[in-house]
Amino acid sequence: MMNIVKEVDEKIAKIKKQYAVSRLIEAVNEKDEREKFFKNGYKKEPVFKYDPPIIPSYKYIDEIEEMINSLPSNFLPLYEDYPQLLRNIFAIIENLGSSEVKKISTKIYGKPSNHTLKEARKIVDAGVVKESEPKIMSAETLLNIFKDTLEVYYKVNDWKIELTDKYATTVYPESKLISINKNRIFGLKEVKRLVNHEIKVHVLRTINGYEQGFQVMGLGLPHYLKTEEGLAIFMEKITGVLDLYALKLRSARVIAVDKMLKNYSFVDVFNEMKEYGFEDEVAWNITYRVFRGGGFTKDYIYLEGFFEIEKFVNKEGLKSLKDLFVGKIGLQHLKYIRDLMNEGMILSPRYLPEELENT
């Protein structure tokens, strides 16, 4: 029976690696549109363009769905949502740049709860300003810190770290790659926060996931991302490097997603972000991320996921977080993962943040 699990796993992993949504929805003219937007006084709606997509064939999903129906019952809950998820991803590719993407994105990521919206507004209205921490570390220095953390502390040598033009520090599990903006300068607290967020959560969960022998555990089970990002922010909190300005930024993203879903324009949302005190580049980045592809709701999950992890820890204790490091899983998968661990089908996580090792 395990052969069919491996076969399904390989087929899904192949599609996920080929069709990574976060890369496909990036506009090819984002830089040009940003320059024009600023030059014209923030008044003209940007018009984003995208690389012509290679339209995938749905027959692969039909084949996978048929195989999933034959999976053993203990693995079925981990895979059963994949066919619909992959159909939604393909639909985004087909409709790239249109308003349909907004609806499809909501099917994949959902939308902010009323509680999250309420808390986001509280955080944004608190008037937090960016800390004036001295910027003393270059992108090259951060690269070397990431490299040493992985290779010296965790003895992991098969990851690549590169300097790019992409603003945000990003982990790509499908290619075992971390990208860092080559032009940014970082403060000490920011570096510590990035190590906790990117390495201790995103990378370690990927590594442990691949070690399970099932690629989807390293790439991410359906709807895992809210737990992943919430866990990353929670790690910042328990290590004392939670940045209140970064929390404000994530809260603003929640509000931006809500406004986009309520059909506010790019200009409207950008100007609201400016009213919250964000600089031009930051306000653009918040707004662009929400409007890219035609409307992308993912950015609310950071704050909502954080609230969910806090609630989980309050109920089950800090040591319960260890089980979430078996791979890129969501809280909704935990019951099934624990059953598989008890059956010896899933391994306990080998790599853990030191803050959890002795809990």
Protein backbone atom coordinates (compact mmCIF):
# COMPACT_ATOMS: atom_id res chain seq x y z
CA MET A 1 0.00 0.00 0.00
CA MET A 2 2.93 2.34 0.62
CA ASN A 3 3.86 2.17 -3.07
CA ILE A 4 0.70 4.02 -4.06
CA VAL A 5 1.37 6.67 -1.38
CA LYS A 6 4.83 7.23 -2.85
CA GLU A 7 3.46 7.35 -6.39
CA VAL A 8 0.78 9.91 -5.50
CA ASP A 9 3.35 11.90 -3.54
CA GLU A 10 5.72 12.08 -6.51
CA LYS A 11 3.00 13.17 -8.93
CA ILE A 12 1.77 15.94 -6.62
CA ALA A 13 5.32 17.12 -5.87
CA LYS A 14 6.10 17.37 -9.58
CA ILE A 15 3.11 19.64 -10.19
CA LYS A 16 3.74 21.77 -7.08
CA LYS A 17 7.36 22.37 -8.07
CA GLN A 18 6.37 23.34 -11.59
CA TYR A 19 3.45 25.59 -10.65
CA ALA A 20 4.47 27.63 -7.59
CA VAL A 21 1.70 30.22 -7.30
CA SER A 22 3.73 32.87 -5.48
CA ARG A 23 6.17 33.02 -8.39
CA LEU A 24 3.62 32.86 -11.19
CA ILE A 25 1.60 35.83 -9.93
CA GLU A 26 4.53 38.27 -9.90
CA ALA A 27 4.05 41.03 -12.47
CA VAL A 28 6.89 41.38 -14.98
CA ASN A 29 6.45 45.17 -15.04
CA GLU A 30 6.08 45.78 -11.29
CA LYS A 31 9.16 48.03 -11.13
CA ASP A 32 8.08 50.17 -14.08
CA GLU A 33 4.54 50.53 -12.76
CA ARG A 34 5.84 51.53 -9.34
CA GLU A 35 8.02 54.27 -10.83
CA LYS A 36 5.11 55.60 -12.92
CA PHE A 37 2.78 55.45 -9.92
CA PHE A 38 5.09 57.58 -7.77
CA LYS A 39 5.85 59.95 -10.64
CA ASN A 40 2.13 60.57 -11.27
CA GLY A 41 1.41 61.40 -7.65
CA TYR A 42 -0.27 58.13 -6.60
CA LYS A 43 -3.36 58.85 -8.69
CA LYS A 44 -3.29 56.45 -11.64
CA GLU A 45 -4.11 52.77 -11.22
CA PRO A 46 -1.14 50.56 -12.14
CA VAL A 47 -1.63 48.06 -14.95
CA PHE A 48 0.29 44.87 -14.28
CA LYS A 49 1.44 42.43 -16.94
CA TYR A 50 2.39 38.77 -16.54
CA ASP A 51 4.40 36.25 -18.44
CA PRO A 52 2.15 34.26 -20.77
CA PRO A 53 1.31 31.18 -18.72
CA ILE A 54 1.77 27.64 -19.89
CA ILE A 55 -1.73 26.29 -19.34
CA PRO A 56 -1.48 22.95 -17.52
CA SER A 57 -3.58 19.90 -18.29
CA TYR A 58 -6.29 18.97 -15.81
CA LYS A 59 -5.98 15.31 -16.79
CA TYR A 60 -3.05 14.99 -14.38
CA ILE A 61 -5.28 16.04 -11.51
CA ASP A 62 -7.96 13.55 -12.54
CA GLU A 63 -5.34 10.79 -12.48
CA ILE A 64 -4.09 11.90 -9.06
CA GLU A 65 -7.63 12.08 -7.66
CA GLU A 66 -8.34 8.53 -8.78
CA MET A 67 -5.16 7.32 -7.08
CA ILE A 68 -5.88 9.26 -3.89
CA ASN A 69 -9.19 7.44 -3.57
CA SER A 70 -7.17 4.22 -3.24
CA LEU A 71 -4.85 5.47 -0.49
CA PRO A 72 -4.78 3.75 2.91
CA SER A 73 -7.11 5.44 5.40
CA ASN A 74 -4.27 6.70 7.63
CA PHE A 75 -2.72 8.73 4.76
CA LEU A 76 -5.93 9.81 3.04
CA PRO A 77 -6.52 12.92 5.23
CA LEU A 78 -3.12 14.33 4.23
CA TYR A 79 -3.79 14.05 0.50
CA GLU A 80 -7.54 14.24 -0.05
CA ASP A 81 -7.67 18.05 -0.46
CA TYR A 82 -4.93 18.15 -3.09
CA PRO A 83 -7.07 17.68 -6.24
CA GLN A 84 -9.22 20.72 -5.49
CA LEU A 85 -6.18 22.75 -4.42
CA LEU A 86 -4.39 21.92 -7.68
CA ARG A 87 -7.50 22.77 -9.71
CA ASN A 88 -7.61 26.15 -8.00
CA ILE A 89 -3.92 26.74 -8.72
CA PHE A 90 -4.46 25.87 -12.38
CA ALA A 91 -7.47 28.21 -12.47
CA ILE A 92 -5.29 31.07 -11.19
CA ILE A 93 -2.81 30.39 -13.97
CA GLU A 94 -5.59 30.43 -16.58
CA ASN A 95 -7.07 33.67 -15.24
CA LEU A 96 -3.86 35.50 -14.35
CA GLY A 97 -4.44 39.25 -14.17
CA SER A 98 -8.24 39.05 -14.13
CA SER A 99 -10.68 39.66 -11.27
CA GLU A 100 -11.43 35.93 -11.23
CA VAL A 101 -8.14 35.40 -9.41
CA LYS A 102 -9.59 37.19 -6.38
CA LYS A 103 -12.37 34.56 -6.07
CA ILE A 104 -10.03 31.64 -6.68
CA SER A 105 -7.47 32.98 -4.22
CA THR A 106 -10.18 33.08 -1.56
CA LYS A 107 -10.88 29.40 -2.21
CA ILE A 108 -7.21 28.60 -1.57
CA TYR A 109 -6.39 30.91 1.34
CA GLY A 110 -9.76 32.06 2.67
CA LYS A 111 -10.35 35.60 3.94
CA PRO A 112 -9.81 37.41 7.25
CA SER A 113 -12.13 36.56 10.13
CA ASN A 114 -13.95 39.38 11.89
CA HIS A 115 -11.78 38.79 14.97
CA THR A 116 -8.56 39.11 12.97
CA LEU A 117 -9.80 42.28 11.27
CA LYS A 118 -10.74 43.81 14.61
CA GLU A 119 -7.35 42.99 16.14
CA ALA A 120 -5.52 44.19 13.02
CA ARG A 121 -7.20 47.59 13.27
CA LYS A 122 -6.28 47.84 16.95
CA ILE A 123 -2.62 47.15 16.18
CA VAL A 124 -2.50 49.58 13.26
CA ASP A 125 -4.27 52.31 15.25
CA ALA A 126 -1.81 51.95 18.15
CA GLY A 127 0.56 54.28 16.31
CA VAL A 128 3.68 52.08 16.42
CA VAL A 129 6.58 53.58 14.49
CA LYS A 130 9.61 51.85 13.08
CA GLU A 131 12.45 51.44 15.57
CA SER A 132 15.54 53.48 14.76
CA GLU A 133 17.85 50.50 15.08
CA PRO A 134 21.28 51.11 13.52
CA LYS A 135 21.61 49.33 10.17
CA ILE A 136 25.01 47.72 10.40
CA MET A 137 24.83 44.38 8.57
CA SER A 138 24.95 43.98 4.82
CA ALA A 139 23.00 41.41 2.84
CA GLU A 140 26.26 39.50 2.44
CA THR A 141 26.65 39.36 6.23
CA LEU A 142 23.10 38.06 6.64
CA LEU A 143 23.82 35.43 3.99
CA ASN A 144 26.84 34.24 5.96
CA ILE A 145 24.85 34.15 9.23
CA PHE A 146 22.15 32.04 7.54
CA LYS A 147 24.85 29.80 6.07
CA ASP A 148 26.61 29.32 9.41
CA THR A 149 23.33 28.63 11.23
CA LEU A 150 22.47 25.89 8.75
CA GLU A 151 25.90 24.38 8.17
CA VAL A 152 27.60 24.81 11.54
CA TYR A 153 24.72 24.58 14.02
CA TYR A 154 22.31 22.26 12.21
CA LYS A 155 24.88 20.45 9.99
CA VAL A 156 22.76 21.03 6.87
CA ASN A 157 24.76 21.56 3.67
CA ASP A 158 22.35 21.16 0.76
CA TRP A 159 20.66 24.58 0.79
CA LYS A 160 21.56 27.49 -1.48
CA ILE A 161 21.40 31.14 -0.33
CA GLU A 162 21.54 33.89 -2.94
CA LEU A 163 21.35 37.66 -3.20
CA THR A 164 18.58 38.96 -5.49
CA ASP A 165 16.50 42.04 -6.33
CA LYS A 166 13.43 40.62 -4.54
CA TYR A 167 12.71 42.85 -1.53
CA ALA A 168 11.52 40.27 1.00
CA THR A 169 13.76 37.55 2.38
CA THR A 170 12.12 34.40 1.00
CA VAL A 171 12.43 30.63 1.45
CA TYR A 172 11.69 28.41 -1.57
CA PRO A 173 11.18 24.86 -0.26
CA GLU A 174 10.76 23.35 -3.73
CA SER A 175 14.33 24.30 -4.66
CA LYS A 176 15.91 24.48 -1.18
CA LEU A 177 16.74 28.11 -1.78
CA ILE A 178 16.75 31.26 0.36
CA SER A 179 16.82 34.67 -1.34
CA ILE A 180 18.00 37.90 0.32
CA ASN A 181 17.69 41.37 -1.17
CA LYS A 182 21.19 42.37 -2.19
CA ASN A 183 20.71 46.07 -1.46
CA ARG A 184 19.25 45.92 2.04
CA ILE A 185 21.12 46.76 5.23
CA PHE A 186 19.94 45.06 8.43
CA GLY A 187 19.94 45.87 12.13
CA LEU A 188 21.00 43.31 14.75
CA LYS A 189 17.48 42.68 16.06
CA GLU A 190 16.18 42.32 12.51
CA VAL A 191 18.85 39.71 11.77
CA LYS A 192 17.89 37.73 14.87
CA ARG A 193 14.25 37.95 13.86
CA LEU A 194 14.99 36.68 10.36
CA VAL A 195 17.02 33.75 11.72
CA ASN A 196 14.12 32.75 13.96
CA HIS A 197 11.50 33.28 11.29
CA GLU A 198 13.17 32.00 8.13
CA ILE A 199 15.66 29.39 9.36
CA LYS A 200 14.16 28.04 12.57
CA VAL A 201 10.66 27.70 11.12
CA HIS A 202 10.48 27.81 7.32
CA VAL A 203 13.72 25.96 6.64
CA LEU A 204 13.63 23.48 9.54
CA ARG A 205 10.05 22.43 8.79
CA THR A 206 11.07 21.90 5.16
CA ILE A 207 14.11 19.80 6.09
CA ASN A 208 12.16 17.65 8.57
CA GLY A 209 9.38 17.26 6.01
CA TYR A 210 11.68 15.95 3.30
CA GLU A 211 13.24 13.53 5.81
CA GLN A 212 9.83 11.84 6.19
CA GLY A 213 10.26 10.36 2.73
CA PHE A 214 7.15 12.14 1.44
CA GLN A 215 7.89 15.21 -0.66
CA VAL A 216 4.61 16.90 0.15
CA MET A 217 5.70 17.10 3.78
CA GLY A 218 8.58 19.32 2.66
CA LEU A 219 6.61 21.27 0.08
CA GLY A 220 3.55 21.83 2.23
CA LEU A 221 0.28 19.99 2.79
CA PRO A 222 -2.93 21.73 1.67
CA HIS A 223 -3.69 24.86 3.70
CA TYR A 224 -0.52 24.52 5.81
CA LEU A 225 0.59 28.10 5.29
CA LYS A 226 -1.47 29.82 7.97
CA THR A 227 0.09 27.57 10.61
CA GLU A 228 3.54 28.01 9.08
CA GLU A 229 3.49 31.80 9.15
CA GLY A 230 1.77 31.95 12.53
CA LEU A 231 4.42 29.66 13.97
CA ALA A 232 7.19 31.82 12.50
CA ILE A 233 5.81 34.95 14.20
CA PHE A 234 5.31 33.02 17.44
CA MET A 235 8.98 31.99 17.36
CA GLU A 236 9.88 35.66 17.08
CA LYS A 237 7.77 36.32 20.17
CA ILE A 238 9.22 33.60 22.42
CA THR A 239 12.79 34.53 21.44
CA GLY A 240 12.22 38.18 22.32
CA VAL A 241 12.68 39.58 18.81
CA LEU A 242 9.08 40.22 17.86
CA ASP A 243 9.11 43.57 16.07
CA LEU A 244 5.98 45.61 16.82
CA TYR A 245 6.43 47.53 13.58
CA ALA A 246 6.55 44.23 11.66
CA LEU A 247 3.36 43.20 13.50
CA LYS A 248 1.80 46.49 12.41
CA LEU A 249 2.88 45.72 8.85
CA ARG A 250 1.22 42.31 8.98
CA SER A 251 -1.89 43.89 10.44
CA ALA A 252 -1.99 46.43 7.63
CA ARG A 253 -1.86 43.56 5.16
CA VAL A 254 -4.98 42.09 6.74
CA ILE A 255 -6.81 45.38 6.24
CA ALA A 256 -5.49 45.65 2.67
CA VAL A 257 -6.81 42.17 1.85
CA ASP A 258 -10.22 43.10 3.28
CA LYS A 259 -10.33 46.33 1.27
CA MET A 260 -9.31 44.53 -1.94
CA LEU A 261 -12.07 41.95 -1.41
CA LYS A 262 -14.53 44.82 -0.95
CA ASN A 263 -13.48 46.19 -4.37
CA TYR A 264 -11.50 49.20 -3.20
CA SER A 265 -9.02 50.35 -5.86
CA PHE A 266 -5.24 50.06 -5.72
CA VAL A 267 -5.04 53.84 -5.24
CA ASP A 268 -7.55 53.72 -2.37
CA VAL A 269 -5.68 50.98 -0.53
CA PHE A 270 -2.28 52.59 -1.12
CA ASN A 271 -3.48 55.91 0.27
CA GLU A 272 -4.94 54.20 3.33
CA MET A 273 -1.60 52.53 3.97
CA LYS A 274 0.03 55.95 3.75
CA GLU A 275 -2.43 57.24 6.36
CA TYR A 276 -1.16 54.53 8.72
CA GLY A 277 2.29 56.11 8.49
CA PHE A 278 3.99 53.76 6.05
CA GLU A 279 6.59 55.17 3.68
CA ASP A 280 5.94 55.12 -0.07
CA GLU A 281 7.90 51.93 -0.79
CA VAL A 282 6.31 50.04 2.12
CA ALA A 283 2.79 51.20 1.25
CA TRP A 284 3.38 50.15 -2.35
CA ASN A 285 4.68 46.75 -1.29
CA ILE A 286 1.67 46.09 0.96
CA THR A 287 -0.77 47.11 -1.75
CA TYR A 288 1.02 45.40 -4.64
CA ARG A 289 1.18 42.08 -2.80
CA VAL A 290 -2.59 42.14 -2.33
CA PHE A 291 -3.44 43.20 -5.91
CA ARG A 292 -0.88 41.07 -7.77
CA GLY A 293 -2.23 38.42 -10.07
CA GLY A 294 -5.67 40.04 -10.02
CA GLY A 295 -6.24 39.86 -6.27
CA PHE A 296 -4.35 37.68 -3.79
CA THR A 297 -5.68 37.09 -0.28
CA LYS A 298 -2.72 35.23 1.20
CA ASP A 299 -1.33 38.11 3.26
CA TYR A 300 -3.99 38.02 5.98
CA ILE A 301 -2.88 34.56 7.12
CA TYR A 302 0.27 35.81 8.91
CA LEU A 303 -1.63 37.57 11.68
CA GLU A 304 -4.51 35.12 11.83
CA GLY A 305 -2.09 32.20 11.97
CA PHE A 306 -0.24 33.87 14.85
CA PHE A 307 -3.47 34.14 16.84
CA GLU A 308 -4.24 30.47 16.14
CA ILE A 309 -0.80 29.35 17.33
CA GLU A 310 -1.12 31.42 20.51
CA LYS A 311 -4.48 29.78 21.19
CA PHE A 312 -3.01 26.33 20.51
CA VAL A 313 -0.07 26.88 22.90
CA ASN A 314 -2.37 28.21 25.61
CA LYS A 315 -4.35 24.99 25.33
CA GLU A 316 -1.63 22.36 24.81
CA GLY A 317 1.57 23.97 26.09
CA LEU A 318 4.80 25.05 24.42
CA LYS A 319 6.17 21.51 24.03
CA SER A 320 3.24 20.64 21.79
CA LEU A 321 4.81 22.84 19.09
CA LYS A 322 7.44 20.13 18.51
CA ASP A 323 4.94 18.01 16.58
CA LEU A 324 4.36 20.88 14.15
CA PHE A 325 8.01 20.60 13.09
CA VAL A 326 7.59 17.17 11.47
CA GLY A 327 7.10 19.03 8.19
CA LYS A 328 5.03 21.71 6.54
CA ILE A 329 1.72 20.77 8.10
CA GLY A 330 -1.21 22.78 9.42
CA LEU A 331 -2.90 22.55 12.81
CA GLN A 332 -5.76 20.79 11.02
CA HIS A 333 -3.40 17.92 10.11
CA LEU A 334 -1.99 17.41 13.61
CA LYS A 335 -4.36 14.66 14.76
CA TYR A 336 -3.58 12.54 11.69
CA ILE A 337 0.16 13.25 11.93
CA ARG A 338 0.22 12.17 15.55
CA ASP A 339 -1.58 8.94 14.64
CA LEU A 340 1.02 8.28 11.93
CA MET A 341 3.83 9.02 14.38
CA ASN A 342 2.35 6.51 16.83
CA GLU A 343 2.23 3.97 14.01
CA GLY A 344 5.87 4.64 13.13
CA MET A 345 4.96 5.96 9.67
CA ILE A 346 6.08 9.52 10.44
CA LEU A 347 9.33 10.33 12.27
CA SER A 348 9.67 12.72 15.17
CA PRO A 349 11.31 15.94 13.95
CA ARG A 350 15.09 15.70 13.90
CA TYR A 351 15.73 19.44 13.64
CA LEU A 352 14.18 21.78 16.20
CA PRO A 353 14.76 25.36 17.34
CA GLU A 354 16.88 25.19 20.50
CA GLU A 355 14.05 26.94 22.36
CA LEU A 356 11.94 23.78 21.93
CA GLU A 357 14.59 21.09 22.29
CA ASN A 358 14.37 20.84 26.08
CA THR A 359 10.65 21.55 26.56
